[in-house]
């Protein structure tokens, strides 16, 4: 992201599935680890670090489905959009 030269980056992580790369000798924690990002980066997680989010019933997980629905609201700022997804 630093190399892209953008002033602002958005990363959205939906951890609704366990890692397929788990090995028996590795840690058995599920979900995503916390990520530190360069300055000017917004990281949105579907759940807390180390947790797994709800898969939902459709093509996307619950978090991604709500994001897609809320992104269509043109009257929301990016902060308001993410805040409106959180309770769902």
Protein backbone atom coordinates (compact mmCIF):
# COMPACT_ATOMS: atom_id res chain seq x y z
CA UNK A 1 0.00 0.00 0.00
CA UNK A 2 2.92 2.34 0.67
CA UNK A 3 4.22 1.75 -2.85
CA UNK A 4 0.86 2.71 -4.40
CA UNK A 5 1.36 6.29 -3.25
CA UNK A 6 -2.28 6.74 -2.25
CA UNK A 7 -3.12 9.21 0.47
CA UNK A 8 -5.80 6.88 1.82
CA UNK A 9 -6.34 3.11 1.62
CA UNK A 10 -9.28 0.96 2.70
CA UNK A 11 -8.84 -2.71 3.62
CA UNK A 12 -11.91 -4.82 4.45
CA UNK A 13 -11.33 -8.21 6.07
CA UNK A 14 -14.24 -10.62 6.39
CA UNK A 15 -13.06 -13.52 8.56
CA UNK A 16 -16.12 -15.70 8.13
CA UNK A 17 -14.16 -18.86 7.42
CA UNK A 18 -11.34 -20.65 9.18
CA UNK A 19 -7.91 -20.67 7.58
CA UNK A 20 -7.46 -23.59 5.18
CA UNK A 21 -3.73 -23.50 5.96
CA UNK A 22 -3.96 -24.73 9.56
CA UNK A 23 -1.57 -27.54 10.40
CA UNK A 24 -1.67 -29.80 13.41
CA UNK A 25 1.59 -28.39 14.79
CA UNK A 26 0.47 -24.79 14.49
CA UNK A 27 -1.63 -22.69 16.82
CA UNK A 28 -5.29 -23.66 16.58
CA UNK A 29 -6.68 -20.13 16.96
CA UNK A 30 -9.38 -19.25 14.47
CA UNK A 31 -10.05 -16.07 12.57
CA UNK A 32 -7.70 -13.29 11.56
CA UNK A 33 -4.81 -11.89 13.54
CA UNK A 34 -4.65 -8.17 14.18
CA UNK A 35 -2.98 -6.25 11.35
CA UNK A 36 -0.96 -3.05 11.66
CA UNK A 37 -1.19 -0.84 8.61
CA UNK A 38 0.58 2.21 7.24
CA UNK A 39 -0.64 5.68 8.20
CA UNK A 40 -3.67 6.73 6.16
CA UNK A 41 -5.18 3.24 6.10
CA UNK A 42 -8.63 2.28 7.30
CA UNK A 43 -8.97 -1.41 8.17
CA UNK A 44 -12.48 -2.75 8.71
CA UNK A 45 -12.84 -6.16 10.33
CA UNK A 46 -15.93 -8.34 10.26
CA UNK A 47 -15.16 -9.44 13.82
CA UNK A 48 -12.62 -9.11 16.62
CA UNK A 49 -9.09 -10.48 16.09
CA UNK A 50 -8.97 -14.21 16.77
CA UNK A 51 -12.71 -14.65 16.16
CA UNK A 52 -14.67 -15.98 13.18
CA UNK A 53 -17.63 -14.02 11.82
CA UNK A 54 -21.02 -15.43 10.82
CA UNK A 55 -21.03 -17.06 7.37
CA UNK A 56 -24.62 -16.03 6.66
CA UNK A 57 -26.99 -17.87 4.35
CA UNK A 58 -26.21 -16.30 0.99
CA UNK A 59 -23.29 -15.91 -1.37
CA UNK A 60 -21.44 -13.62 1.06
CA UNK A 61 -20.88 -13.63 4.79
CA UNK A 62 -23.18 -11.53 6.95
CA UNK A 63 -20.65 -8.68 7.20
CA UNK A 64 -19.94 -8.50 3.46
CA UNK A 65 -23.64 -8.71 2.64
CA UNK A 66 -24.41 -5.77 4.93
CA UNK A 67 -21.48 -3.76 3.53
CA UNK A 68 -22.70 -4.27 -0.01
CA UNK A 69 -26.21 -3.19 0.97
CA UNK A 70 -25.06 -0.11 2.92
CA UNK A 71 -22.51 1.04 0.30
CA UNK A 72 -25.43 1.92 -1.96
CA UNK A 73 -26.62 4.65 0.43
CA UNK A 74 -25.24 7.82 -1.13
CA UNK A 75 -26.14 9.99 1.86
CA UNK A 76 -23.67 8.29 4.27
CA UNK A 77 -20.05 9.18 4.93
CA UNK A 78 -17.64 6.25 5.01
CA UNK A 79 -17.61 6.40 8.82
CA UNK A 80 -21.41 6.37 8.98
CA UNK A 81 -21.56 3.48 6.53
CA UNK A 82 -19.21 1.30 8.62
CA UNK A 83 -21.00 2.31 11.84
CA UNK A 84 -24.36 1.33 10.33
CA UNK A 85 -23.02 -2.14 9.46
CA UNK A 86 -21.66 -2.87 12.95
CA UNK A 87 -24.97 -3.64 14.72
CA UNK A 88 -26.06 -6.02 11.95
